[in-house]
Amino acid sequence: MPNNSKKLSKEAYGGIRGEDYIPFIPTTEAMPETTGYSIAMGTIFAIIFAAANTYLGLKVGLT
């Protein structure tokens, strides 16, 4: 089996100086942290995990 492993070039490990780096999202743009979508998804996941923990706890006889 031939060794066909590919490696990154040495330039890939160098990094970028701070003044040359252009971020994907500009620093002037404020991203919302709390949205209706995040609250809804958090509530849905909380219900699912609470139900799963309740079911498994009762199933193994912890209560």
PDB file of N, CA and C in Angstrom:
ATOM      1  N   MET A   1       0.838  -1.162   0.000  1.00  0.00           N
ATOM      2  CA  MET A   1       0.000   0.000   0.000  1.00  0.00           C
ATOM      3  C   MET A   1       0.896   1.242   0.000  1.00  0.00           C
ATOM      4  N   PRO A   2       0.836   2.046  -1.048  1.00  0.00           N
ATOM      5  CA  PRO A   2       1.711   3.223  -1.120  1.00  0.00           C
ATOM      6  C   PRO A   2       1.260   4.304  -0.141  1.00  0.00           C
ATOM      7  N   ASN A   3       2.223   5.059   0.331  1.00  0.00           N
ATOM      8  CA  ASN A   3       1.949   6.140   1.278  1.00  0.00           C
ATOM      9  C   ASN A   3       1.625   7.405   0.492  1.00  0.00           C
ATOM     10  N   ASN A   4       0.334   7.681   0.304  1.00  0.00           N
ATOM     11  CA  ASN A   4      -0.109   8.847  -0.456  1.00  0.00           C
ATOM     12  C   ASN A   4      -0.637   9.944   0.461  1.00  0.00           C
ATOM     13  N   SER A   5      -0.045  10.094   1.624  1.00  0.00           N
ATOM     14  CA  SER A   5      -0.544  11.105   2.554  1.00  0.00           C
ATOM     15  C   SER A   5      -0.167  12.494   2.050  1.00  0.00           C
ATOM     16  N   LYS A   6      -1.129  13.389   2.127  1.00  0.00           N
ATOM     17  CA  LYS A   6      -0.894  14.768   1.713  1.00  0.00           C
ATOM     18  C   LYS A   6      -0.692  15.610   2.960  1.00  0.00           C
ATOM     19  N   LYS A   7       0.213  16.530   2.891  1.00  0.00           N
ATOM     20  CA  LYS A   7       0.507  17.389   4.027  1.00  0.00           C
ATOM     21  C   LYS A   7       0.311  18.845   3.618  1.00  0.00           C
ATOM     22  N   LEU A   8       0.044  19.675   4.619  1.00  0.00           N
ATOM     23  CA  LEU A   8      -0.074  21.100   4.372  1.00  0.00           C
ATOM     24  C   LEU A   8       1.305  21.705   4.161  1.00  0.00           C
ATOM     25  N   SER A   9       1.329  22.791   3.408  1.00  0.00           N
ATOM     26  CA  SER A   9       2.600  23.474   3.197  1.00  0.00           C
ATOM     27  C   SER A   9       3.029  24.176   4.480  1.00  0.00           C
ATOM     28  N   LYS A  10       4.281  24.580   4.536  1.00  0.00           N
ATOM     29  CA  LYS A  10       4.793  25.253   5.726  1.00  0.00           C
ATOM     30  C   LYS A  10       4.120  26.604   5.927  1.00  0.00           C
ATOM     31  N   GLU A  11       3.649  27.238   4.852  1.00  0.00           N
ATOM     32  CA  GLU A  11       2.973  28.529   4.962  1.00  0.00           C
ATOM     33  C   GLU A  11       1.621  28.400   5.665  1.00  0.00           C
ATOM     34  N   ALA A  12       1.028  27.210   5.665  1.00  0.00           N
ATOM     35  CA  ALA A  12      -0.283  27.011   6.283  1.00  0.00           C
ATOM     36  C   ALA A  12      -0.210  27.111   7.799  1.00  0.00           C
ATOM     37  N   TYR A  13       0.932  26.906   8.378  1.00  0.00           N
ATOM     38  CA  TYR A  13       1.085  26.938   9.830  1.00  0.00           C
ATOM     39  C   TYR A  13       1.560  28.296  10.343  1.00  0.00           C
ATOM     40  N   GLY A  14       1.844  29.217   9.463  1.00  0.00           N
ATOM     41  CA  GLY A  14       2.439  30.486   9.863  1.00  0.00           C
ATOM     42  C   GLY A  14       1.501  31.437  10.563  1.00  0.00           C
ATOM     43  N   GLY A  15       0.253  31.469  10.176  1.00  0.00           N
ATOM     44  CA  GLY A  15      -0.669  32.433  10.765  1.00  0.00           C
ATOM     45  C   GLY A  15      -0.666  33.737   9.990  1.00  0.00           C
ATOM     46  N   ILE A  16      -1.541  34.619  10.388  1.00  0.00           N
ATOM     47  CA  ILE A  16      -1.682  35.901   9.717  1.00  0.00           C
ATOM     48  C   ILE A  16      -1.489  36.993  10.757  1.00  0.00           C
ATOM     49  N   ARG A  17      -0.755  38.025  10.390  1.00  0.00           N
ATOM     50  CA  ARG A  17      -0.577  39.147  11.303  1.00  0.00           C
ATOM     51  C   ARG A  17      -1.912  39.848  11.494  1.00  0.00           C
ATOM     52  N   GLY A  18      -2.092  40.477  12.635  1.00  0.00           N
ATOM     53  CA  GLY A  18      -3.353  41.112  12.975  1.00  0.00           C
ATOM     54  C   GLY A  18      -3.796  42.180  11.998  1.00  0.00           C
ATOM     55  N   GLU A  19      -2.865  42.969  11.474  1.00  0.00           N
ATOM     56  CA  GLU A  19      -3.250  44.042  10.557  1.00  0.00           C
ATOM     57  C   GLU A  19      -3.588  43.518   9.159  1.00  0.00           C
ATOM     58  N   ASP A  20      -3.200  42.287   8.835  1.00  0.00           N
ATOM     59  CA  ASP A  20      -3.508  41.709   7.528  1.00  0.00           C
ATOM     60  C   ASP A  20      -4.763  40.853   7.538  1.00  0.00           C
ATOM     61  N   TYR A  21      -5.271  40.525   8.711  1.00  0.00           N
ATOM     62  CA  TYR A  21      -6.418  39.626   8.814  1.00  0.00           C
ATOM     63  C   TYR A  21      -7.717  40.388   8.565  1.00  0.00           C
ATOM     64  N   ILE A  22      -8.555  39.870   7.669  1.00  0.00           N
ATOM     65  CA  ILE A  22      -9.866  40.453   7.391  1.00  0.00           C
ATOM     66  C   ILE A  22     -10.907  39.470   7.906  1.00  0.00           C
ATOM     67  N   PRO A  23     -11.657  39.816   8.972  1.00  0.00           N
ATOM     68  CA  PRO A  23     -12.633  38.880   9.531  1.00  0.00           C
ATOM     69  C   PRO A  23     -13.822  38.682   8.601  1.00  0.00           C
ATOM     70  N   PHE A  24     -14.458  37.529   8.716  1.00  0.00           N
ATOM     71  CA  PHE A  24     -15.625  37.214   7.895  1.00  0.00           C
ATOM     72  C   PHE A  24     -16.789  38.126   8.250  1.00  0.00           C
ATOM     73  N   ILE A  25     -17.014  38.348   9.550  1.00  0.00           N
ATOM     74  CA  ILE A  25     -18.053  39.267  10.022  1.00  0.00           C
ATOM     75  C   ILE A  25     -17.343  40.509  10.534  1.00  0.00           C
ATOM     76  N   PRO A  26     -17.666  41.674   9.979  1.00  0.00           N
ATOM     77  CA  PRO A  26     -16.963  42.887  10.410  1.00  0.00           C
ATOM     78  C   PRO A  26     -17.205  43.193  11.886  1.00  0.00           C
ATOM     79  N   THR A  27     -16.228  43.830  12.511  1.00  0.00           N
ATOM     80  CA  THR A  27     -16.351  44.164  13.926  1.00  0.00           C
ATOM     81  C   THR A  27     -17.388  45.250  14.163  1.00  0.00           C
ATOM     82  N   THR A  28     -17.767  45.985  13.125  1.00  0.00           N
ATOM     83  CA  THR A  28     -18.773  47.036  13.278  1.00  0.00           C
ATOM     84  C   THR A  28     -20.182  46.469  13.345  1.00  0.00           C
ATOM     85  N   GLU A  29     -20.373  45.229  12.905  1.00  0.00           N
ATOM     86  CA  GLU A  29     -21.699  44.612  12.904  1.00  0.00           C
ATOM     87  C   GLU A  29     -21.941  43.897  14.233  1.00  0.00           C
ATOM     88  N   ALA A  30     -23.053  44.226  14.871  1.00  0.00           N
ATOM     89  CA  ALA A  30     -23.410  43.596  16.147  1.00  0.00           C
ATOM     90  C   ALA A  30     -24.327  42.410  15.873  1.00  0.00           C
ATOM     91  N   MET A  31     -23.893  41.236  16.286  1.00  0.00           N
ATOM     92  CA  MET A  31     -24.692  40.030  16.081  1.00  0.00           C
ATOM     93  C   MET A  31     -25.644  39.852  17.262  1.00  0.00           C
ATOM     94  N   PRO A  32     -26.921  39.566  16.999  1.00  0.00           N
ATOM     95  CA  PRO A  32     -27.856  39.350  18.107  1.00  0.00           C
ATOM     96  C   PRO A  32     -27.566  38.028  18.807  1.00  0.00           C
ATOM     97  N   GLU A  33     -27.556  38.065  20.140  1.00  0.00           N
ATOM     98  CA  GLU A  33     -27.282  36.855  20.906  1.00  0.00           C
ATOM     99  C   GLU A  33     -28.556  36.133  21.299  1.00  0.00           C
ATOM    100  N   THR A  34     -29.614  36.883  21.571  1.00  0.00           N
ATOM    101  CA  THR A  34     -30.883  36.287  21.970  1.00  0.00           C
ATOM    102  C   THR A  34     -31.919  36.597  20.905  1.00  0.00           C
ATOM    103  N   THR A  35     -32.383  35.559  20.243  1.00  0.00           N
ATOM    104  CA  THR A  35     -33.412  35.719  19.223  1.00  0.00           C
ATOM    105  C   THR A  35     -34.565  34.786  19.545  1.00  0.00           C
ATOM    106  N   GLY A  36     -35.666  34.992  18.868  1.00  0.00           N
ATOM    107  CA  GLY A  36     -36.811  34.107  19.056  1.00  0.00           C
ATOM    108  C   GLY A  36     -36.479  32.680  18.674  1.00  0.00           C
ATOM    109  N   TYR A  37     -35.669  32.523  17.634  1.00  0.00           N
ATOM    110  CA  TYR A  37     -35.274  31.189  17.184  1.00  0.00           C
ATOM    111  C   TYR A  37     -34.451  30.475  18.253  1.00  0.00           C
ATOM    112  N   SER A  38     -33.497  31.185  18.851  1.00  0.00           N
ATOM    113  CA  SER A  38     -32.652  30.541  19.865  1.00  0.00           C
ATOM    114  C   SER A  38     -33.453  30.187  21.115  1.00  0.00           C
ATOM    115  N   ILE A  39     -34.405  31.029  21.492  1.00  0.00           N
ATOM    116  CA  ILE A  39     -35.249  30.722  22.650  1.00  0.00           C
ATOM    117  C   ILE A  39     -36.141  29.522  22.357  1.00  0.00           C
ATOM    118  N   ALA A  40     -36.716  29.474  21.150  1.00  0.00           N
ATOM    119  CA  ALA A  40     -37.583  28.347  20.782  1.00  0.00           C
ATOM    120  C   ALA A  40     -36.795  27.044  20.734  1.00  0.00           C
ATOM    121  N   MET A  41     -35.618  27.062  20.122  1.00  0.00           N
ATOM    122  CA  MET A  41     -34.811  25.843  20.036  1.00  0.00           C
ATOM    123  C   MET A  41     -34.334  25.402  21.417  1.00  0.00           C
ATOM    124  N   GLY A  42     -33.967  26.335  22.276  1.00  0.00           N
ATOM    125  CA  GLY A  42     -33.565  25.991  23.636  1.00  0.00           C
ATOM    126  C   GLY A  42     -34.699  25.362  24.422  1.00  0.00           C
ATOM    127  N   THR A  43     -35.912  25.895  24.236  1.00  0.00           N
ATOM    128  CA  THR A  43     -37.076  25.330  24.917  1.00  0.00           C
ATOM    129  C   THR A  43     -37.371  23.924  24.420  1.00  0.00           C
ATOM    130  N   ILE A  44     -37.299  23.726  23.111  1.00  0.00           N
ATOM    131  CA  ILE A  44     -37.555  22.398  22.532  1.00  0.00           C
ATOM    132  C   ILE A  44     -36.533  21.384  23.042  1.00  0.00           C
ATOM    133  N   PHE A  45     -35.252  21.756  23.027  1.00  0.00           N
ATOM    134  CA  PHE A  45     -34.218  20.839  23.513  1.00  0.00           C
ATOM    135  C   PHE A  45     -34.369  20.566  25.005  1.00  0.00           C
ATOM    136  N   ALA A  46     -34.757  21.572  25.778  1.00  0.00           N
ATOM    137  CA  ALA A  46     -34.959  21.372  27.213  1.00  0.00           C
ATOM    138  C   ALA A  46     -36.082  20.385  27.467  1.00  0.00           C
ATOM    139  N   ILE A  47     -37.170  20.492  26.709  1.00  0.00           N
ATOM    140  CA  ILE A  47     -38.288  19.557  26.864  1.00  0.00           C
ATOM    141  C   ILE A  47     -37.862  18.143  26.496  1.00  0.00           C
ATOM    142  N   ILE A  48     -37.139  18.004  25.391  1.00  0.00           N
ATOM    143  CA  ILE A  48     -36.694  16.676  24.941  1.00  0.00           C
ATOM    144  C   ILE A  48     -35.762  16.042  25.973  1.00  0.00           C
ATOM    145  N   PHE A  49     -34.766  16.797  26.448  1.00  0.00           N
ATOM    146  CA  PHE A  49     -33.812  16.233  27.401  1.00  0.00           C
ATOM    147  C   PHE A  49     -34.452  15.960  28.756  1.00  0.00           C
ATOM    148  N   ALA A  50     -35.378  16.809  29.185  1.00  0.00           N
ATOM    149  CA  ALA A  50     -36.068  16.559  30.450  1.00  0.00           C
ATOM    150  C   ALA A  50     -36.907  15.296  30.357  1.00  0.00           C
ATOM    151  N   ALA A  51     -37.597  15.111  29.237  1.00  0.00           N
ATOM    152  CA  ALA A  51     -38.401  13.906  29.056  1.00  0.00           C
ATOM    153  C   ALA A  51     -37.515  12.664  28.997  1.00  0.00           C
ATOM    154  N   ALA A  52     -36.387  12.761  28.295  1.00  0.00           N
ATOM    155  CA  ALA A  52     -35.479  11.618  28.195  1.00  0.00           C
ATOM    156  C   ALA A  52     -34.902  11.259  29.563  1.00  0.00           C
ATOM    157  N   ASN A  53     -34.495  12.261  30.338  1.00  0.00           N
ATOM    158  CA  ASN A  53     -33.953  11.988  31.671  1.00  0.00           C
ATOM    159  C   ASN A  53     -35.008  11.413  32.600  1.00  0.00           C
ATOM    160  N   THR A  54     -36.219  11.925  32.514  1.00  0.00           N
ATOM    161  CA  THR A  54     -37.301  11.392  33.343  1.00  0.00           C
ATOM    162  C   THR A  54     -37.586   9.945  32.981  1.00  0.00           C
ATOM    163  N   TYR A  55     -37.679   9.670  31.698  1.00  0.00           N
ATOM    164  CA  TYR A  55     -37.968   8.310  31.243  1.00  0.00           C
ATOM    165  C   TYR A  55     -36.868   7.346  31.676  1.00  0.00           C
ATOM    166  N   LEU A  56     -35.627   7.713  31.421  1.00  0.00           N
ATOM    167  CA  LEU A  56     -34.524   6.809  31.763  1.00  0.00           C
ATOM    168  C   LEU A  56     -34.379   6.641  33.269  1.00  0.00           C
ATOM    169  N   GLY A  57     -34.613   7.708  34.019  1.00  0.00           N
ATOM    170  CA  GLY A  57     -34.548   7.596  35.472  1.00  0.00           C
ATOM    171  C   GLY A  57     -35.606   6.661  36.013  1.00  0.00           C
ATOM    172  N   LEU A  58     -36.819   6.746  35.481  1.00  0.00           N
ATOM    173  CA  LEU A  58     -37.880   5.840  35.918  1.00  0.00           C
ATOM    174  C   LEU A  58     -37.642   4.420  35.417  1.00  0.00           C
ATOM    175  N   LYS A  59     -37.067   4.303  34.233  1.00  0.00           N
ATOM    176  CA  LYS A  59     -36.830   2.979  33.643  1.00  0.00           C
ATOM    177  C   LYS A  59     -35.820   2.173  34.465  1.00  0.00           C
ATOM    178  N   VAL A  60     -34.772   2.820  34.932  1.00  0.00           N
ATOM    179  CA  VAL A  60     -33.758   2.081  35.687  1.00  0.00           C
ATOM    180  C   VAL A  60     -34.075   2.035  37.174  1.00  0.00           C
ATOM    181  N   GLY A  61     -35.128   2.694  37.589  1.00  0.00           N
ATOM    182  CA  GLY A  61     -35.577   2.585  38.966  1.00  0.00           C
ATOM    183  C   GLY A  61     -34.854   3.471  39.944  1.00  0.00           C
ATOM    184  N   LEU A  62     -34.482   4.657  39.526  1.00  0.00           N
ATOM    185  CA  LEU A  62     -33.788   5.561  40.436  1.00  0.00           C
ATOM    186  C   LEU A  62     -34.734   6.279  41.385  1.00  0.00           C
ATOM    187  N   THR A  63     -36.037   6.228  41.108  1.00  0.00           N
ATOM    188  CA  THR A  63     -36.973   6.932  41.998  1.00  0.00           C
ATOM    189  C   THR A  63     -37.784   5.941  42.794  1.00  0.00           C
TER     190      THR A  63
END
